[in-house]
Amino acid sequence: MSSFDDRRKGQEGKFAHDAELRFKAEARRNKLLGLWAAEHMGLSDEHAKEYAAEVVASDFEEAGDEDVFRKIQGDLKAKGASVSDDMIRKKMVELVQTARDQVLGES
């Protein structure tokens, strides 16, 4: 019985750890995406950091990535930046791996 409990606790711990890493990687991806978009909008370094924080916060509106995509898309269009939807989506995918690598490197 003790062996079963130990295994269960180990699996629960791994699940919690993996979920935390996913959350951190998603937040990091959103921050990096915000900085990328800020560059295309011509924001200063200070405003770029503030904007990146807004992008991270926008991810809490609904499940999935569409809330972040809509924020970036709308803001880029409002600033007159010529960035296509495909470019935004491609950058989102690209930054997932970058963010994971960074978060894992910090662990």
N, C-alpha and C. Protein backbone atom coordinates (compact mmCIF):
# COMPACT_ATOMS: atom_id res chain seq x y z
N MET A 1 0.81 -1.19 0.00
CA MET A 1 0.00 0.00 0.00
C MET A 1 0.87 1.27 0.00
N SER A 2 1.93 1.26 0.75
CA SER A 2 2.82 2.41 0.83
C SER A 2 3.46 2.70 -0.53
N SER A 3 3.81 1.66 -1.25
CA SER A 3 4.41 1.83 -2.57
C SER A 3 3.44 2.52 -3.52
N PHE A 4 2.17 2.12 -3.45
CA PHE A 4 1.14 2.74 -4.29
C PHE A 4 0.98 4.22 -3.94
N ASP A 5 0.93 4.53 -2.66
CA ASP A 5 0.80 5.92 -2.22
C ASP A 5 1.99 6.77 -2.65
N ASP A 6 3.18 6.19 -2.54
CA ASP A 6 4.38 6.91 -2.96
C ASP A 6 4.35 7.21 -4.45
N ARG A 7 3.93 6.21 -5.22
CA ARG A 7 3.85 6.40 -6.68
C ARG A 7 2.81 7.47 -7.03
N ARG A 8 1.66 7.42 -6.36
CA ARG A 8 0.60 8.40 -6.59
C ARG A 8 1.10 9.81 -6.26
N LYS A 9 1.75 9.96 -5.13
CA LYS A 9 2.28 11.27 -4.73
C LYS A 9 3.33 11.76 -5.72
N GLY A 10 4.15 10.84 -6.20
CA GLY A 10 5.15 11.20 -7.19
C GLY A 10 4.51 11.69 -8.48
N GLN A 11 3.47 11.00 -8.92
CA GLN A 11 2.78 11.40 -10.15
C GLN A 11 2.07 12.74 -9.96
N GLU A 12 1.46 12.95 -8.80
CA GLU A 12 0.81 14.23 -8.53
C GLU A 12 1.83 15.36 -8.52
N GLY A 13 2.97 15.11 -7.93
CA GLY A 13 4.04 16.11 -7.90
C GLY A 13 4.54 16.45 -9.29
N LYS A 14 4.71 15.43 -10.12
CA LYS A 14 5.16 15.65 -11.49
C LYS A 14 4.12 16.43 -12.28
N PHE A 15 2.86 16.08 -12.10
CA PHE A 15 1.78 16.80 -12.79
C PHE A 15 1.78 18.27 -12.39
N ALA A 16 1.90 18.55 -11.11
CA ALA A 16 1.91 19.93 -10.63
C ALA A 16 3.13 20.68 -11.17
N HIS A 17 4.27 20.03 -11.17
CA HIS A 17 5.49 20.66 -11.68
C HIS A 17 5.35 20.96 -13.18
N ASP A 18 4.84 19.99 -13.94
CA ASP A 18 4.65 20.19 -15.38
C ASP A 18 3.66 21.31 -15.67
N ALA A 19 2.59 21.38 -14.88
CA ALA A 19 1.59 22.43 -15.07
C ALA A 19 2.20 23.81 -14.78
N GLU A 20 3.03 23.88 -13.76
CA GLU A 20 3.70 25.14 -13.43
C GLU A 20 4.64 25.58 -14.55
N LEU A 21 5.39 24.62 -15.09
CA LEU A 21 6.29 24.95 -16.19
C LEU A 21 5.52 25.41 -17.42
N ARG A 22 4.39 24.76 -17.73
CA ARG A 22 3.57 25.19 -18.87
C ARG A 22 3.06 26.61 -18.67
N PHE A 23 2.59 26.91 -17.46
CA PHE A 23 2.08 28.25 -17.16
C PHE A 23 3.19 29.29 -17.33
N LYS A 24 4.36 29.01 -16.78
CA LYS A 24 5.47 29.95 -16.88
C LYS A 24 5.90 30.13 -18.34
N ALA A 25 5.93 29.04 -19.10
CA ALA A 25 6.33 29.12 -20.51
C ALA A 25 5.30 29.92 -21.32
N GLU A 26 4.01 29.74 -21.05
CA GLU A 26 2.99 30.50 -21.76
C GLU A 26 3.10 31.99 -21.44
N ALA A 27 3.30 32.29 -20.17
CA ALA A 27 3.46 33.70 -19.77
C ALA A 27 4.71 34.30 -20.41
N ARG A 28 5.80 33.53 -20.45
CA ARG A 28 7.03 34.02 -21.07
C ARG A 28 6.83 34.23 -22.56
N ARG A 29 6.15 33.29 -23.21
CA ARG A 29 5.87 33.43 -24.65
C ARG A 29 5.08 34.71 -24.90
N ASN A 30 4.08 34.97 -24.06
CA ASN A 30 3.27 36.17 -24.23
C ASN A 30 4.08 37.43 -24.00
N LYS A 31 4.99 37.40 -23.06
CA LYS A 31 5.86 38.55 -22.83
C LYS A 31 6.75 38.79 -24.04
N LEU A 32 7.37 37.72 -24.54
CA LEU A 32 8.23 37.85 -25.72
C LEU A 32 7.43 38.32 -26.93
N LEU A 33 6.23 37.83 -27.08
CA LEU A 33 5.36 38.25 -28.17
C LEU A 33 5.01 39.73 -28.04
N GLY A 34 4.74 40.16 -26.82
CA GLY A 34 4.44 41.57 -26.58
C GLY A 34 5.63 42.46 -26.93
N LEU A 35 6.83 42.03 -26.57
CA LEU A 35 8.03 42.80 -26.90
C LEU A 35 8.25 42.85 -28.42
N TRP A 36 7.98 41.72 -29.08
CA TRP A 36 8.09 41.67 -30.55
C TRP A 36 7.09 42.64 -31.19
N ALA A 37 5.85 42.61 -30.73
CA ALA A 37 4.82 43.50 -31.28
C ALA A 37 5.15 44.96 -30.98
N ALA A 38 5.66 45.22 -29.78
CA ALA A 38 6.02 46.59 -29.39
C ALA A 38 7.09 47.15 -30.32
N GLU A 39 8.01 46.30 -30.72
CA GLU A 39 9.05 46.72 -31.66
C GLU A 39 8.42 47.13 -33.00
N HIS A 40 7.45 46.34 -33.45
CA HIS A 40 6.77 46.65 -34.72
C HIS A 40 5.90 47.91 -34.61
N MET A 41 5.51 48.25 -33.39
CA MET A 41 4.69 49.44 -33.19
C MET A 41 5.56 50.67 -32.89
N GLY A 42 6.86 50.46 -32.75
CA GLY A 42 7.76 51.58 -32.50
C GLY A 42 7.71 52.11 -31.09
N LEU A 43 7.38 51.26 -30.12
CA LEU A 43 7.31 51.70 -28.73
C LEU A 43 8.71 51.80 -28.12
N SER A 44 8.86 52.73 -27.19
CA SER A 44 10.13 52.86 -26.47
C SER A 44 10.33 51.64 -25.57
N ASP A 45 11.53 51.47 -25.05
CA ASP A 45 11.82 50.32 -24.18
C ASP A 45 10.88 50.28 -22.98
N GLU A 46 10.68 51.43 -22.36
CA GLU A 46 9.80 51.48 -21.18
C GLU A 46 8.37 51.09 -21.54
N HIS A 47 7.87 51.67 -22.63
CA HIS A 47 6.50 51.36 -23.06
C HIS A 47 6.39 49.93 -23.57
N ALA A 48 7.46 49.40 -24.13
CA ALA A 48 7.46 48.01 -24.61
C ALA A 48 7.29 47.05 -23.44
N LYS A 49 7.96 47.32 -22.33
CA LYS A 49 7.82 46.46 -21.15
C LYS A 49 6.41 46.54 -20.59
N GLU A 50 5.84 47.74 -20.55
CA GLU A 50 4.46 47.89 -20.09
C GLU A 50 3.50 47.16 -21.01
N TYR A 51 3.73 47.29 -22.31
CA TYR A 51 2.86 46.63 -23.28
C TYR A 51 2.97 45.10 -23.14
N ALA A 52 4.17 44.59 -22.96
CA ALA A 52 4.36 43.15 -22.80
C ALA A 52 3.58 42.64 -21.58
N ALA A 53 3.56 43.42 -20.51
CA ALA A 53 2.78 43.04 -19.32
C ALA A 53 1.28 43.02 -19.64
N GLU A 54 0.82 43.95 -20.47
CA GLU A 54 -0.58 43.96 -20.90
C GLU A 54 -0.91 42.70 -21.70
N VAL A 55 0.01 42.29 -22.54
CA VAL A 55 -0.21 41.08 -23.36
C VAL A 55 -0.29 39.86 -22.45
N VAL A 56 0.58 39.77 -21.46
CA VAL A 56 0.54 38.65 -20.51
C VAL A 56 -0.82 38.64 -19.80
N ALA A 57 -1.27 39.80 -19.37
CA ALA A 57 -2.56 39.89 -18.66
C ALA A 57 -3.73 39.54 -19.57
N SER A 58 -3.61 39.82 -20.85
CA SER A 58 -4.72 39.55 -21.77
C SER A 58 -4.98 38.05 -21.92
N ASP A 59 -4.03 37.22 -21.57
CA ASP A 59 -4.20 35.78 -21.69
C ASP A 59 -5.18 35.21 -20.67
N PHE A 60 -5.54 35.99 -19.68
CA PHE A 60 -6.45 35.51 -18.65
C PHE A 60 -7.92 35.77 -18.99
N GLU A 61 -8.18 36.33 -20.17
CA GLU A 61 -9.55 36.63 -20.56
C GLU A 61 -10.34 35.38 -20.90
N GLU A 62 -9.71 34.42 -21.56
CA GLU A 62 -10.36 33.17 -21.94
C GLU A 62 -9.31 32.10 -22.15
N ALA A 63 -9.76 30.86 -22.20
CA ALA A 63 -8.83 29.75 -22.42
C ALA A 63 -8.30 29.80 -23.85
N GLY A 64 -7.07 29.36 -24.03
CA GLY A 64 -6.48 29.32 -25.36
C GLY A 64 -5.71 30.58 -25.68
N ASP A 65 -5.27 30.65 -26.93
CA ASP A 65 -4.40 31.74 -27.37
C ASP A 65 -5.12 32.84 -28.13
N GLU A 66 -6.39 32.66 -28.41
CA GLU A 66 -7.09 33.64 -29.25
C GLU A 66 -7.19 35.01 -28.61
N ASP A 67 -7.31 35.08 -27.30
CA ASP A 67 -7.38 36.38 -26.63
C ASP A 67 -6.07 37.14 -26.82
N VAL A 68 -4.96 36.45 -26.74
CA VAL A 68 -3.65 37.08 -26.95
C VAL A 68 -3.51 37.50 -28.42
N PHE A 69 -3.90 36.61 -29.32
CA PHE A 69 -3.83 36.93 -30.74
C PHE A 69 -4.65 38.18 -31.07
N ARG A 70 -5.87 38.25 -30.57
CA ARG A 70 -6.74 39.41 -30.85
C ARG A 70 -6.13 40.70 -30.30
N LYS A 71 -5.53 40.63 -29.12
CA LYS A 71 -4.90 41.82 -28.53
C LYS A 71 -3.77 42.30 -29.43
N ILE A 72 -2.88 41.41 -29.78
CA ILE A 72 -1.73 41.78 -30.62
C ILE A 72 -2.22 42.29 -31.97
N GLN A 73 -3.11 41.56 -32.59
CA GLN A 73 -3.63 41.92 -33.91
C GLN A 73 -4.27 43.31 -33.89
N GLY A 74 -5.14 43.55 -32.92
CA GLY A 74 -5.82 44.84 -32.83
C GLY A 74 -4.87 45.99 -32.57
N ASP A 75 -3.92 45.79 -31.70
CA ASP A 75 -2.97 46.84 -31.37
C ASP A 75 -2.03 47.15 -32.54
N LEU A 76 -1.59 46.11 -33.24
CA LEU A 76 -0.73 46.33 -34.41
C LEU A 76 -1.49 47.10 -35.49
N LYS A 77 -2.73 46.73 -35.73
CA LYS A 77 -3.53 47.43 -36.74
C LYS A 77 -3.79 48.87 -36.34
N ALA A 78 -4.07 49.09 -35.05
CA ALA A 78 -4.33 50.44 -34.56
C ALA A 78 -3.12 51.36 -34.73
N LYS A 79 -1.93 50.78 -34.63
CA LYS A 79 -0.70 51.55 -34.81
C LYS A 79 -0.25 51.63 -36.26
N GLY A 80 -1.00 50.96 -37.14
CA GLY A 80 -0.65 51.00 -38.56
C GLY A 80 0.53 50.14 -38.95
N ALA A 81 0.87 49.18 -38.09
CA ALA A 81 1.98 48.27 -38.40
C ALA A 81 1.53 47.26 -39.44
N SER A 82 2.38 47.01 -40.41
CA SER A 82 2.03 46.09 -41.48
C SER A 82 2.52 44.68 -41.14
N VAL A 83 1.80 44.04 -40.23
CA VAL A 83 2.11 42.68 -39.80
C VAL A 83 0.86 41.85 -40.06
N SER A 84 1.00 40.80 -40.85
CA SER A 84 -0.15 39.96 -41.20
C SER A 84 -0.54 39.04 -40.05
N ASP A 85 -1.76 38.56 -40.12
CA ASP A 85 -2.23 37.57 -39.13
C ASP A 85 -1.34 36.34 -39.15
N ASP A 86 -0.93 35.92 -40.33
CA ASP A 86 -0.05 34.75 -40.44
C ASP A 86 1.28 34.99 -39.75
N MET A 87 1.81 36.20 -39.86
CA MET A 87 3.08 36.51 -39.20
C MET A 87 2.92 36.44 -37.68
N ILE A 88 1.79 36.95 -37.19
CA ILE A 88 1.55 36.92 -35.74
C ILE A 88 1.47 35.47 -35.26
N ARG A 89 0.68 34.67 -35.96
CA ARG A 89 0.51 33.27 -35.56
C ARG A 89 1.84 32.50 -35.66
N LYS A 90 2.60 32.77 -36.69
CA LYS A 90 3.90 32.11 -36.85
C LYS A 90 4.82 32.49 -35.69
N LYS A 91 4.82 33.76 -35.33
CA LYS A 91 5.67 34.22 -34.23
C LYS A 91 5.23 33.59 -32.92
N MET A 92 3.92 33.45 -32.73
CA MET A 92 3.41 32.81 -31.51
C MET A 92 3.94 31.38 -31.39
N VAL A 93 3.90 30.64 -32.47
CA VAL A 93 4.39 29.26 -32.48
C VAL A 93 5.90 29.22 -32.24
N GLU A 94 6.61 30.10 -32.92
CA GLU A 94 8.06 30.16 -32.79
C GLU A 94 8.49 30.46 -31.36
N LEU A 95 7.77 31.38 -30.72
CA LEU A 95 8.16 31.80 -29.38
C LEU A 95 7.80 30.79 -28.30
N VAL A 96 6.93 29.84 -28.60
CA VAL A 96 6.60 28.79 -27.62
C VAL A 96 7.87 28.03 -27.25
N GLN A 97 8.62 27.61 -28.23
CA GLN A 97 9.84 26.85 -27.96
C GLN A 97 10.90 27.71 -27.28
N THR A 98 11.04 28.94 -27.73
CA THR A 98 11.99 29.86 -27.10
C THR A 98 11.66 30.03 -25.63
N ALA A 99 10.39 30.25 -25.33
CA ALA A 99 9.96 30.44 -23.95
C ALA A 99 10.19 29.19 -23.11
N ARG A 100 9.87 28.03 -23.66
CA ARG A 100 10.11 26.77 -22.93
C ARG A 100 11.59 26.60 -22.62
N ASP A 101 12.42 26.85 -23.59
CA ASP A 101 13.87 26.73 -23.39
C ASP A 101 14.36 27.67 -22.29
N GLN A 102 13.85 28.90 -22.31
CA GLN A 102 14.25 29.88 -21.29
C GLN A 102 13.81 29.45 -19.90
N VAL A 103 12.54 29.01 -19.79
CA VAL A 103 12.01 28.61 -18.49
C VAL A 103 12.74 27.37 -17.97
N LEU A 104 12.98 26.40 -18.84
CA LEU A 104 13.70 25.20 -18.42
C LEU A 104 15.15 25.54 -18.03
N GLY A 105 15.73 26.51 -18.70
CA GLY A 105 17.09 26.93 -18.39
C GLY A 105 17.19 27.61 -17.02
N GLU A 106 16.10 28.15 -16.57
CA GLU A 106 16.08 28.82 -15.26
C GLU A 106 15.80 27.86 -14.12
N SER A 107 15.29 26.69 -14.45
CA SER A 107 14.91 25.71 -13.40
C SER A 107 16.11 25.03 -12.81
